[in-house]
Amino acid sequence: YVSSPPPQPESPVEDNPFEAITEDLRNRIIDWKGHPLAGLGPLKLFDLLSVRRDSLVREFYVYLFKEAIICVAEEKKRSLGRFLSTASGAVAEGSAGPSGQQKGVLRLKGRIYIRHIRQVTDTSVQGELSLTIDMEDERLDSFILIFKDRSSLETWKNRVNALVTYVPRSAQSSQFDQPPLDMEEFGGSSKA
């Protein structure tokens, strides 16, 4: 006697454990700069990391998707007026979290397509756990992700390398429909 497995409830999304996080991003990022979330593929990893480009180090929420790495910053409350209008019952920007607290608006600060990554190298030194991501584009030779612990670094290194290896070289060099990277706000004249 062989019993069949119980029927599984149908899910509209392939079992992506990060679906709630992806949906939160979709709702909170105020400007996708012409490259919608849907084009990035499924979310693979995310963390709050320090990112170094040249001599500038900034902390970002970093999300690794199948097609790109994005860096996101939470908008700071700019004025007391916004707080007062929120307190008086007006609808606020962002979305309420499970505890009822208001979540801030997120701003996209950088996007690097996986197909434009040349290599990922562990460049940790005494006192700093870091991965250097080398780009094919001469405008941005590399940038560095700085981690708090070794296991996170290893997980990111393995996942990014697996995605870079997965992208065929012909696709990397033949796709000119999108700019290779978008990190102008990272070290430039951004307001964040």
N, C-alpha and C. Protein backbone atom coordinates (compact mmCIF):
# COMPACT_ATOMS: atom_id res chain seq x y z
N TYR A 1 0.84 -1.18 0.00
CA TYR A 1 0.00 0.00 0.00
C TYR A 1 0.88 1.24 0.00
N VAL A 2 0.74 2.06 -1.00
CA VAL A 2 1.52 3.29 -1.12
C VAL A 2 0.57 4.47 -1.03
N SER A 3 0.87 5.35 -0.10
CA SER A 3 0.01 6.54 0.01
C SER A 3 0.66 7.70 -0.72
N SER A 4 -0.16 8.49 -1.33
CA SER A 4 0.38 9.66 -2.03
C SER A 4 0.57 10.78 -1.02
N PRO A 5 1.53 11.67 -1.30
CA PRO A 5 1.76 12.78 -0.37
C PRO A 5 0.53 13.69 -0.32
N PRO A 6 0.33 14.35 0.81
CA PRO A 6 -0.83 15.25 0.91
C PRO A 6 -0.70 16.38 -0.11
N PRO A 7 -1.81 16.85 -0.64
CA PRO A 7 -1.73 17.93 -1.62
C PRO A 7 -1.13 19.18 -0.99
N GLN A 8 -0.29 19.84 -1.76
CA GLN A 8 0.35 21.06 -1.28
C GLN A 8 -0.49 22.26 -1.72
N PRO A 9 -0.64 23.25 -0.84
CA PRO A 9 -1.37 24.44 -1.28
C PRO A 9 -0.58 25.14 -2.38
N GLU A 10 -1.30 25.62 -3.38
CA GLU A 10 -0.61 26.28 -4.49
C GLU A 10 -0.15 27.65 -4.06
N SER A 11 1.08 27.94 -4.40
CA SER A 11 1.66 29.24 -4.06
C SER A 11 1.82 30.04 -5.35
N PRO A 12 1.40 31.31 -5.34
CA PRO A 12 1.54 32.10 -6.56
C PRO A 12 3.00 32.40 -6.88
N VAL A 13 3.87 32.27 -5.91
CA VAL A 13 5.29 32.57 -6.10
C VAL A 13 6.06 31.29 -5.83
N GLU A 14 7.10 31.04 -6.62
CA GLU A 14 7.95 29.89 -6.33
C GLU A 14 8.48 30.07 -4.92
N ASP A 15 8.57 29.00 -4.17
CA ASP A 15 8.87 29.09 -2.75
C ASP A 15 10.11 29.92 -2.47
N ASN A 16 9.95 31.22 -2.44
CA ASN A 16 11.05 32.13 -2.16
C ASN A 16 10.93 32.58 -0.71
N PRO A 17 11.89 32.17 0.13
CA PRO A 17 11.81 32.54 1.54
C PRO A 17 11.91 34.04 1.76
N PHE A 18 12.37 34.78 0.76
CA PHE A 18 12.54 36.23 0.90
C PHE A 18 11.39 37.02 0.30
N GLU A 19 10.28 36.38 -0.01
CA GLU A 19 9.18 37.07 -0.69
C GLU A 19 8.68 38.27 0.12
N ALA A 20 8.54 38.12 1.44
CA ALA A 20 8.05 39.24 2.27
C ALA A 20 9.04 40.41 2.24
N ILE A 21 10.33 40.10 2.24
CA ILE A 21 11.35 41.15 2.19
C ILE A 21 11.31 41.84 0.83
N THR A 22 11.16 41.06 -0.22
CA THR A 22 11.08 41.63 -1.57
C THR A 22 9.86 42.55 -1.68
N GLU A 23 8.74 42.12 -1.13
CA GLU A 23 7.52 42.93 -1.18
C GLU A 23 7.70 44.22 -0.37
N ASP A 24 8.37 44.13 0.77
CA ASP A 24 8.66 45.31 1.59
C ASP A 24 9.51 46.31 0.80
N LEU A 25 10.53 45.80 0.10
CA LEU A 25 11.36 46.66 -0.76
C LEU A 25 10.52 47.33 -1.84
N ARG A 26 9.67 46.55 -2.49
CA ARG A 26 8.83 47.06 -3.56
C ARG A 26 7.97 48.24 -3.05
N ASN A 27 7.48 48.12 -1.84
CA ASN A 27 6.59 49.14 -1.28
C ASN A 27 7.33 50.35 -0.71
N ARG A 28 8.58 50.20 -0.29
CA ARG A 28 9.27 51.27 0.43
C ARG A 28 10.25 52.07 -0.41
N ILE A 29 10.81 51.49 -1.49
CA ILE A 29 11.76 52.25 -2.31
C ILE A 29 10.97 53.26 -3.13
N ILE A 30 11.35 54.53 -3.02
CA ILE A 30 10.55 55.58 -3.63
C ILE A 30 10.90 55.85 -5.09
N ASP A 31 12.06 55.42 -5.56
CA ASP A 31 12.43 55.66 -6.96
C ASP A 31 13.33 54.53 -7.44
N TRP A 32 12.83 53.71 -8.34
CA TRP A 32 13.60 52.59 -8.86
C TRP A 32 14.49 53.02 -10.02
N LYS A 33 14.48 54.29 -10.38
CA LYS A 33 15.36 54.86 -11.41
C LYS A 33 15.26 54.12 -12.74
N GLY A 34 14.04 53.75 -13.09
CA GLY A 34 13.80 53.16 -14.40
C GLY A 34 14.12 51.68 -14.51
N HIS A 35 14.52 51.04 -13.42
CA HIS A 35 14.84 49.62 -13.45
C HIS A 35 14.03 48.93 -12.36
N PRO A 36 12.81 48.48 -12.68
CA PRO A 36 11.92 47.94 -11.65
C PRO A 36 12.46 46.67 -11.00
N LEU A 37 11.97 46.44 -9.81
CA LEU A 37 12.36 45.28 -9.01
C LEU A 37 12.13 43.97 -9.77
N ALA A 38 11.08 43.90 -10.56
CA ALA A 38 10.75 42.68 -11.29
C ALA A 38 11.89 42.22 -12.20
N GLY A 39 12.71 43.15 -12.68
CA GLY A 39 13.81 42.80 -13.57
C GLY A 39 15.05 42.28 -12.88
N LEU A 40 15.04 42.24 -11.54
CA LEU A 40 16.23 41.82 -10.81
C LEU A 40 16.26 40.33 -10.49
N GLY A 41 15.14 39.64 -10.72
CA GLY A 41 15.07 38.22 -10.38
C GLY A 41 14.84 38.03 -8.89
N PRO A 42 14.86 36.78 -8.44
CA PRO A 42 14.59 36.50 -7.03
C PRO A 42 15.71 36.97 -6.11
N LEU A 43 15.33 37.38 -4.90
CA LEU A 43 16.28 37.80 -3.88
C LEU A 43 17.00 36.56 -3.34
N LYS A 44 18.32 36.67 -3.23
CA LYS A 44 19.14 35.55 -2.74
C LYS A 44 19.68 35.78 -1.34
N LEU A 45 20.10 37.03 -1.05
CA LEU A 45 20.68 37.39 0.25
C LEU A 45 20.43 38.87 0.51
N PHE A 46 20.47 39.26 1.79
CA PHE A 46 20.46 40.67 2.13
C PHE A 46 21.11 40.84 3.48
N ASP A 47 21.66 42.03 3.72
CA ASP A 47 22.31 42.32 5.00
C ASP A 47 22.56 43.81 5.10
N LEU A 48 22.82 44.28 6.29
CA LEU A 48 23.26 45.66 6.52
C LEU A 48 24.78 45.61 6.53
N LEU A 49 25.40 46.21 5.51
CA LEU A 49 26.84 46.12 5.34
C LEU A 49 27.45 47.49 5.14
N SER A 50 28.73 47.60 5.46
CA SER A 50 29.47 48.79 5.08
C SER A 50 30.00 48.56 3.67
N VAL A 51 29.96 49.61 2.86
CA VAL A 51 30.42 49.51 1.48
C VAL A 51 31.47 50.59 1.28
N ARG A 52 32.64 50.18 0.75
CA ARG A 52 33.72 51.14 0.52
C ARG A 52 33.95 51.26 -0.97
N ARG A 53 33.99 52.49 -1.41
CA ARG A 53 34.35 52.80 -2.79
C ARG A 53 35.34 53.94 -2.72
N ASP A 54 36.51 53.75 -3.27
CA ASP A 54 37.63 54.68 -3.10
C ASP A 54 37.89 54.79 -1.59
N SER A 55 37.87 55.99 -1.02
CA SER A 55 38.14 56.10 0.41
C SER A 55 36.86 56.30 1.22
N LEU A 56 35.71 56.33 0.55
CA LEU A 56 34.45 56.58 1.22
C LEU A 56 33.81 55.28 1.70
N VAL A 57 33.45 55.21 2.98
CA VAL A 57 32.77 54.05 3.53
C VAL A 57 31.40 54.49 4.03
N ARG A 58 30.36 53.79 3.57
CA ARG A 58 29.00 54.09 4.01
C ARG A 58 28.27 52.80 4.31
N GLU A 59 27.29 52.89 5.19
CA GLU A 59 26.51 51.72 5.54
C GLU A 59 25.23 51.70 4.71
N PHE A 60 24.94 50.54 4.11
CA PHE A 60 23.75 50.36 3.28
C PHE A 60 23.09 49.04 3.61
N TYR A 61 21.80 48.97 3.29
CA TYR A 61 21.14 47.68 3.20
C TYR A 61 21.53 47.17 1.81
N VAL A 62 22.17 46.00 1.77
CA VAL A 62 22.65 45.45 0.51
C VAL A 62 21.84 44.19 0.20
N TYR A 63 21.28 44.15 -1.01
CA TYR A 63 20.44 43.03 -1.44
C TYR A 63 21.07 42.38 -2.65
N LEU A 64 21.23 41.06 -2.58
CA LEU A 64 21.75 40.29 -3.70
C LEU A 64 20.58 39.60 -4.39
N PHE A 65 20.31 40.01 -5.61
CA PHE A 65 19.29 39.37 -6.44
C PHE A 65 20.01 38.51 -7.47
N LYS A 66 19.26 37.70 -8.19
CA LYS A 66 19.84 36.85 -9.23
C LYS A 66 20.55 37.68 -10.29
N GLU A 67 20.01 38.86 -10.61
CA GLU A 67 20.54 39.67 -11.70
C GLU A 67 21.38 40.87 -11.26
N ALA A 68 21.30 41.28 -9.99
CA ALA A 68 21.99 42.51 -9.57
C ALA A 68 22.17 42.56 -8.06
N ILE A 69 23.12 43.39 -7.66
CA ILE A 69 23.30 43.76 -6.26
C ILE A 69 22.80 45.20 -6.14
N ILE A 70 21.93 45.46 -5.17
CA ILE A 70 21.50 46.85 -4.96
C ILE A 70 21.87 47.30 -3.56
N CYS A 71 22.20 48.58 -3.44
CA CYS A 71 22.48 49.22 -2.17
C CYS A 71 21.37 50.23 -1.90
N VAL A 72 20.82 50.19 -0.70
CA VAL A 72 19.66 50.99 -0.35
C VAL A 72 19.94 51.68 0.98
N ALA A 73 19.49 52.93 1.10
CA ALA A 73 19.62 53.67 2.36
C ALA A 73 18.24 54.10 2.83
N GLU A 74 18.05 54.08 4.13
CA GLU A 74 16.79 54.55 4.69
C GLU A 74 16.82 56.06 4.77
N GLU A 75 15.76 56.70 4.30
CA GLU A 75 15.66 58.16 4.35
C GLU A 75 15.53 58.60 5.80
N LYS A 76 16.27 59.61 6.15
CA LYS A 76 16.15 60.19 7.49
C LYS A 76 14.96 61.13 7.49
N LYS A 77 14.31 61.22 8.64
CA LYS A 77 13.22 62.19 8.75
C LYS A 77 13.82 63.57 8.60
N ARG A 78 13.28 64.35 7.67
CA ARG A 78 13.90 65.63 7.37
C ARG A 78 13.36 66.78 8.20
N SER A 79 12.10 66.68 8.62
CA SER A 79 11.56 67.84 9.31
C SER A 79 10.59 67.44 10.41
N LEU A 80 10.43 68.32 11.35
CA LEU A 80 9.48 68.11 12.42
C LEU A 80 8.06 68.16 11.86
N GLY A 81 7.86 68.92 10.79
CA GLY A 81 6.54 69.05 10.18
C GLY A 81 5.97 67.71 9.75
N ARG A 82 6.81 66.85 9.18
CA ARG A 82 6.35 65.53 8.76
C ARG A 82 5.93 64.72 9.97
N PHE A 83 6.71 64.82 11.06
CA PHE A 83 6.38 64.09 12.28
C PHE A 83 5.05 64.57 12.85
N LEU A 84 4.85 65.88 12.85
CA LEU A 84 3.61 66.43 13.41
C LEU A 84 2.40 66.02 12.57
N SER A 85 2.54 66.05 11.25
CA SER A 85 1.40 65.66 10.42
C SER A 85 1.10 64.18 10.60
N THR A 86 2.13 63.37 10.85
CA THR A 86 1.92 61.96 11.11
C THR A 86 1.19 61.78 12.44
N ALA A 87 1.61 62.52 13.43
CA ALA A 87 1.02 62.40 14.76
C ALA A 87 -0.45 62.84 14.76
N SER A 88 -0.81 63.73 13.86
CA SER A 88 -2.19 64.21 13.84
C SER A 88 -3.13 63.29 13.07
N GLY A 89 -2.61 62.18 12.59
CA GLY A 89 -3.47 61.19 11.95
C GLY A 89 -3.38 61.16 10.44
N ALA A 90 -2.57 62.02 9.84
CA ALA A 90 -2.42 62.00 8.39
C ALA A 90 -1.68 60.74 7.97
N VAL A 91 -1.87 60.32 6.76
CA VAL A 91 -1.18 59.14 6.25
C VAL A 91 0.29 59.48 6.07
N ALA A 92 1.15 58.62 6.58
CA ALA A 92 2.60 58.87 6.50
C ALA A 92 3.20 58.07 5.36
N GLU A 93 4.40 58.46 4.95
CA GLU A 93 5.12 57.71 3.92
C GLU A 93 5.61 56.40 4.52
N GLY A 94 5.88 55.44 3.66
CA GLY A 94 6.40 54.16 4.13
C GLY A 94 5.25 53.24 4.50
N SER A 95 5.57 52.20 5.27
CA SER A 95 4.54 51.25 5.67
C SER A 95 4.73 50.91 7.13
N ALA A 96 3.66 50.53 7.77
CA ALA A 96 3.73 50.19 9.18
C ALA A 96 4.26 48.78 9.33
N GLY A 97 5.14 48.59 10.27
CA GLY A 97 5.69 47.27 10.52
C GLY A 97 4.76 46.46 11.41
N PRO A 98 5.13 45.20 11.71
CA PRO A 98 4.27 44.34 12.51
C PRO A 98 4.00 44.90 13.91
N SER A 99 4.93 45.67 14.44
CA SER A 99 4.73 46.23 15.77
C SER A 99 3.93 47.52 15.72
N GLY A 100 3.54 47.94 14.51
CA GLY A 100 2.77 49.18 14.38
C GLY A 100 3.67 50.39 14.20
N GLN A 101 4.97 50.20 14.33
CA GLN A 101 5.89 51.32 14.15
C GLN A 101 6.02 51.64 12.67
N GLN A 102 6.23 52.90 12.38
CA GLN A 102 6.35 53.35 11.00
C GLN A 102 7.72 52.97 10.45
N LYS A 103 7.74 52.35 9.27
CA LYS A 103 8.99 52.05 8.60
C LYS A 103 9.32 53.23 7.70
N GLY A 104 10.59 53.55 7.60
CA GLY A 104 11.01 54.68 6.77
C GLY A 104 10.99 54.36 5.29
N VAL A 105 11.08 55.40 4.51
CA VAL A 105 11.16 55.29 3.06
C VAL A 105 12.60 54.91 2.71
N LEU A 106 12.75 54.07 1.69
CA LEU A 106 14.08 53.65 1.25
C LEU A 106 14.42 54.32 -0.08
N ARG A 107 15.71 54.62 -0.25
CA ARG A 107 16.18 55.23 -1.49
C ARG A 107 17.27 54.33 -2.09
N LEU A 108 17.11 54.02 -3.39
CA LEU A 108 18.09 53.22 -4.11
C LEU A 108 19.35 54.05 -4.30
N LYS A 109 20.49 53.55 -3.83
CA LYS A 109 21.75 54.29 -3.92
C LYS A 109 22.72 53.71 -4.92
N GLY A 110 22.55 52.46 -5.28
CA GLY A 110 23.45 51.87 -6.25
C GLY A 110 22.93 50.54 -6.73
N ARG A 111 23.32 50.19 -7.96
CA ARG A 111 22.89 48.93 -8.55
C ARG A 111 24.02 48.45 -9.45
N ILE A 112 24.43 47.21 -9.24
CA ILE A 112 25.47 46.58 -10.04
C ILE A 112 24.89 45.30 -10.61
N TYR A 113 24.90 45.18 -11.93
CA TYR A 113 24.39 43.95 -12.54
C TYR A 113 25.43 42.84 -12.42
N ILE A 114 24.95 41.65 -12.07
CA ILE A 114 25.82 40.49 -11.89
C ILE A 114 26.65 40.23 -13.15
N ARG A 115 26.05 40.42 -14.32
CA ARG A 115 26.76 40.11 -15.57
C ARG A 115 27.96 41.03 -15.80
N HIS A 116 28.08 42.11 -15.02
CA HIS A 116 29.21 43.03 -15.18
C HIS A 116 30.27 42.85 -14.08
N ILE A 117 30.08 41.84 -13.24
CA ILE A 117 31.09 41.53 -12.22
C ILE A 117 32.12 40.60 -12.83
N ARG A 118 33.39 40.99 -12.70
CA ARG A 118 34.47 40.17 -13.24
C ARG A 118 34.89 39.10 -12.23
N GLN A 119 35.08 39.50 -10.97
CA GLN A 119 35.46 38.53 -9.95
C GLN A 119 35.18 39.06 -8.56
N VAL A 120 35.11 38.12 -7.62
CA VAL A 120 34.88 38.43 -6.21
C VAL A 120 36.03 37.81 -5.43
N THR A 121 36.70 38.65 -4.62
CA THR A 121 37.90 38.19 -3.91
C THR A 121 37.80 38.53 -2.43
N ASP A 122 38.19 37.56 -1.59
CA ASP A 122 38.28 37.83 -0.15
C ASP A 122 39.54 38.65 0.08
N THR A 123 39.37 39.91 0.47
CA THR A 123 40.51 40.81 0.69
C THR A 123 40.60 41.22 2.16
N SER A 124 40.18 40.32 3.04
CA SER A 124 40.21 40.61 4.47
C SER A 124 41.63 40.86 4.95
N VAL A 125 41.74 41.79 5.88
CA VAL A 125 43.01 42.07 6.55
C VAL A 125 42.73 42.07 8.05
N GLN A 126 43.77 42.18 8.84
CA GLN A 126 43.61 42.21 10.29
C GLN A 126 42.59 43.29 10.68
N GLY A 127 41.51 42.89 11.34
CA GLY A 127 40.54 43.86 11.81
C GLY A 127 39.44 44.23 10.82
N GLU A 128 39.49 43.67 9.59
CA GLU A 128 38.43 43.96 8.61
C GLU A 128 38.17 42.75 7.73
N LEU A 129 36.92 42.29 7.74
CA LEU A 129 36.49 41.20 6.88
C LEU A 129 35.87 41.82 5.64
N SER A 130 36.48 41.62 4.48
CA SER A 130 35.99 42.31 3.29
C SER A 130 36.06 41.45 2.04
N LEU A 131 35.11 41.73 1.14
CA LEU A 131 35.09 41.15 -0.20
C LEU A 131 35.26 42.28 -1.19
N THR A 132 36.16 42.13 -2.13
CA THR A 132 36.32 43.11 -3.19
C THR A 132 35.62 42.57 -4.43
N ILE A 133 34.75 43.38 -4.99
CA ILE A 133 34.01 43.02 -6.20
C ILE A 133 34.58 43.82 -7.35
N ASP A 134 35.26 43.14 -8.26
CA ASP A 134 35.88 43.79 -9.41
C ASP A 134 34.91 43.79 -10.58
N MET A 135 34.84 44.95 -11.22
CA MET A 135 33.89 45.16 -12.31
C MET A 135 34.60 45.12 -13.65
N GLU A 136 33.82 44.82 -14.70
CA GLU A 136 34.36 44.89 -16.06
C GLU A 136 34.40 46.31 -16.57
N ASP A 137 33.61 47.20 -15.99
CA ASP A 137 33.51 48.59 -16.45
C ASP A 137 34.64 49.43 -15.88
N GLU A 138 35.30 50.19 -16.73
CA GLU A 138 36.44 50.99 -16.28
C GLU A 138 36.04 52.18 -15.41
N ARG A 139 34.76 52.58 -15.45
CA ARG A 139 34.32 53.70 -14.62
C ARG A 139 34.28 53.34 -13.13
N LEU A 140 34.14 52.06 -12.83
CA LEU A 140 34.09 51.59 -11.45
C LEU A 140 34.90 50.31 -11.38
N ASP A 141 36.20 50.46 -11.08
CA ASP A 141 37.07 49.29 -11.06
C ASP A 141 36.59 48.24 -10.06
N SER A 142 36.28 48.69 -8.84
CA SER A 142 35.84 47.75 -7.81
C SER A 142 35.17 48.49 -6.68
N PHE A 143 34.47 47.74 -5.86
CA PHE A 143 33.97 48.26 -4.61
C PHE A 143 34.08 47.14 -3.59
N ILE A 144 34.02 47.49 -2.32
CA ILE A 144 34.32 46.54 -1.26
C ILE A 144 33.15 46.46 -0.29
N LEU A 145 32.72 45.24 0.00
CA LEU A 145 31.71 44.98 1.02
C LEU A 145 32.44 44.57 2.30
N ILE A 146 32.07 45.21 3.42
CA ILE A 146 32.73 44.94 4.69
C ILE A 146 31.74 44.24 5.62
N PHE A 147 32.15 43.11 6.16
CA PHE A 147 31.28 42.23 6.94
C PHE A 147 31.63 42.25 8.42
N LYS A 148 30.64 41.88 9.25
CA LYS A 148 30.84 41.82 10.69
C LYS A 148 31.35 40.46 11.15
N ASP A 149 31.08 39.41 10.34
CA ASP A 149 31.56 38.09 10.72
C ASP A 149 31.95 37.26 9.50
N ARG A 150 32.81 36.29 9.73
CA ARG A 150 33.39 35.46 8.66
C ARG A 150 32.33 34.64 7.93
N SER A 151 31.34 34.11 8.66
CA SER A 151 30.34 33.26 8.00
C SER A 151 29.51 34.06 7.00
N SER A 152 29.18 35.30 7.32
CA SER A 152 28.44 36.15 6.36
C SER A 152 29.29 36.41 5.12
N LEU A 153 30.56 36.72 5.33
CA LEU A 153 31.46 36.97 4.21
C LEU A 153 31.51 35.74 3.29
N GLU A 154 31.68 34.56 3.88
CA GLU A 154 31.77 33.33 3.08
C GLU A 154 30.47 33.07 2.32
N THR A 155 29.33 33.30 2.97
CA THR A 155 28.04 33.08 2.31
C THR A 155 27.89 34.02 1.12
N TRP A 156 28.19 35.31 1.31
CA TRP A 156 28.09 36.28 0.21
C TRP A 156 29.07 35.93 -0.92
N LYS A 157 30.29 35.60 -0.55
CA LYS A 157 31.29 35.26 -1.57
C LYS A 157 30.82 34.09 -2.42
N ASN A 158 30.34 33.04 -1.76
CA ASN A 158 29.90 31.85 -2.49
C ASN A 158 28.69 32.13 -3.36
N ARG A 159 27.71 32.88 -2.84
CA ARG A 159 26.50 33.18 -3.62
C ARG A 159 26.80 34.07 -4.82
N VAL A 160 27.59 35.13 -4.61
CA VAL A 160 27.90 36.03 -5.72
C VAL A 160 28.71 35.28 -6.78
N ASN A 161 29.72 34.52 -6.34
CA ASN A 161 30.52 33.75 -7.30
C ASN A 161 29.66 32.76 -8.08
N ALA A 162 28.72 32.11 -7.41
CA ALA A 162 27.84 31.16 -8.10
C ALA A 162 27.01 31.88 -9.16
N LEU A 163 26.51 33.08 -8.86
CA LEU A 163 25.72 33.83 -9.84
C LEU A 163 26.59 34.32 -10.99
N VAL A 164 27.80 34.78 -10.69
CA VAL A 164 28.71 35.26 -11.74
C VAL A 164 29.08 34.09 -12.66
N THR A 165 29.33 32.93 -12.10
CA THR A 165 29.68 31.75 -12.88
C THR A 165 28.50 31.30 -13.73
N TYR A 166 27.29 31.45 -13.20
CA TYR A 166 26.08 31.02 -13.89
C TYR A 166 25.79 31.84 -15.14
N VAL A 167 26.14 33.14 -15.13
CA VAL A 167 25.86 34.02 -16.27
C VAL A 167 26.85 33.69 -17.38
N PRO A 168 26.35 33.28 -18.56
CA PRO A 168 27.26 32.97 -19.66
C PRO A 168 28.03 34.21 -20.10
N ARG A 169 29.28 34.05 -20.45
CA ARG A 169 30.12 35.18 -20.87
C ARG A 169 29.52 35.92 -22.06
N SER A 170 28.89 35.20 -22.97
CA SER A 170 28.32 35.87 -24.14
C SER A 170 27.21 36.82 -23.73
N ALA A 171 26.44 36.46 -22.71
CA ALA A 171 25.37 37.35 -22.23
C ALA A 171 25.98 38.57 -21.55
N GLN A 172 27.11 38.38 -20.88
CA GLN A 172 27.74 39.50 -20.20
C GLN A 172 28.20 40.56 -21.18
N SER A 173 28.76 40.14 -22.28
CA SER A 173 29.33 41.12 -23.20
C SER A 173 28.35 41.61 -24.26
N SER A 174 27.24 40.87 -24.48
CA SER A 174 26.36 41.26 -25.57
C SER A 174 25.15 42.07 -25.15
N GLN A 175 24.92 42.22 -23.86
CA GLN A 175 23.72 42.94 -23.43
C GLN A 175 24.04 44.40 -23.18
N PHE A 176 23.67 45.24 -24.14
CA PHE A 176 23.92 46.67 -24.01
C PHE A 176 22.63 47.44 -23.79
N ASP A 177 21.53 46.73 -23.49
CA ASP A 177 20.24 47.39 -23.32
C ASP A 177 20.15 48.14 -22.00
N GLN A 178 21.00 47.83 -21.06
CA GLN A 178 20.97 48.51 -19.77
C GLN A 178 22.38 48.96 -19.43
N PRO A 179 22.51 50.10 -18.75
CA PRO A 179 23.85 50.52 -18.34
C PRO A 179 24.44 49.48 -17.39
N PRO A 180 25.74 49.30 -17.39
CA PRO A 180 26.34 48.24 -16.59
C PRO A 180 26.24 48.47 -15.09
N LEU A 181 26.20 49.71 -14.67
CA LEU A 181 26.15 49.97 -13.25
C LEU A 181 25.54 51.34 -12.99
N ASP A 182 25.16 51.53 -11.77
CA ASP A 182 24.51 52.78 -11.40
C ASP A 182 24.90 53.08 -9.96
N MET A 183 26.10 53.58 -9.78
CA MET A 183 26.57 53.88 -8.43
C MET A 183 26.92 55.36 -8.31
N GLU A 184 26.37 56.20 -9.17
CA GLU A 184 26.76 57.62 -9.17
C GLU A 184 26.42 58.30 -7.85
N GLU A 185 25.37 57.86 -7.19
CA GLU A 185 25.01 58.51 -5.95
C GLU A 185 25.89 58.09 -4.78
N PHE A 186 26.55 56.96 -4.93
CA PHE A 186 27.30 56.39 -3.81
C PHE A 186 28.32 57.35 -3.24
N GLY A 187 29.15 57.90 -4.09
CA GLY A 187 30.19 58.79 -3.58
C GLY A 187 30.05 60.20 -4.11
N GLY A 188 29.01 60.42 -4.89
CA GLY A 188 28.84 61.72 -5.53
C GLY A 188 28.10 62.72 -4.66
N SER A 189 27.25 63.49 -5.28
CA SER A 189 26.60 64.60 -4.59
C SER A 189 25.23 64.22 -4.07
N SER A 190 25.11 63.03 -3.52
CA SER A 190 23.81 62.62 -3.01
C SER A 190 23.49 63.36 -1.73
N LYS A 191 22.21 63.39 -1.40
CA LYS A 191 21.75 64.13 -0.23
C LYS A 191 21.68 63.25 1.00
N ALA A 192 21.92 61.96 0.87
CA ALA A 192 21.78 61.06 2.01
C ALA A 192 22.93 61.21 2.98
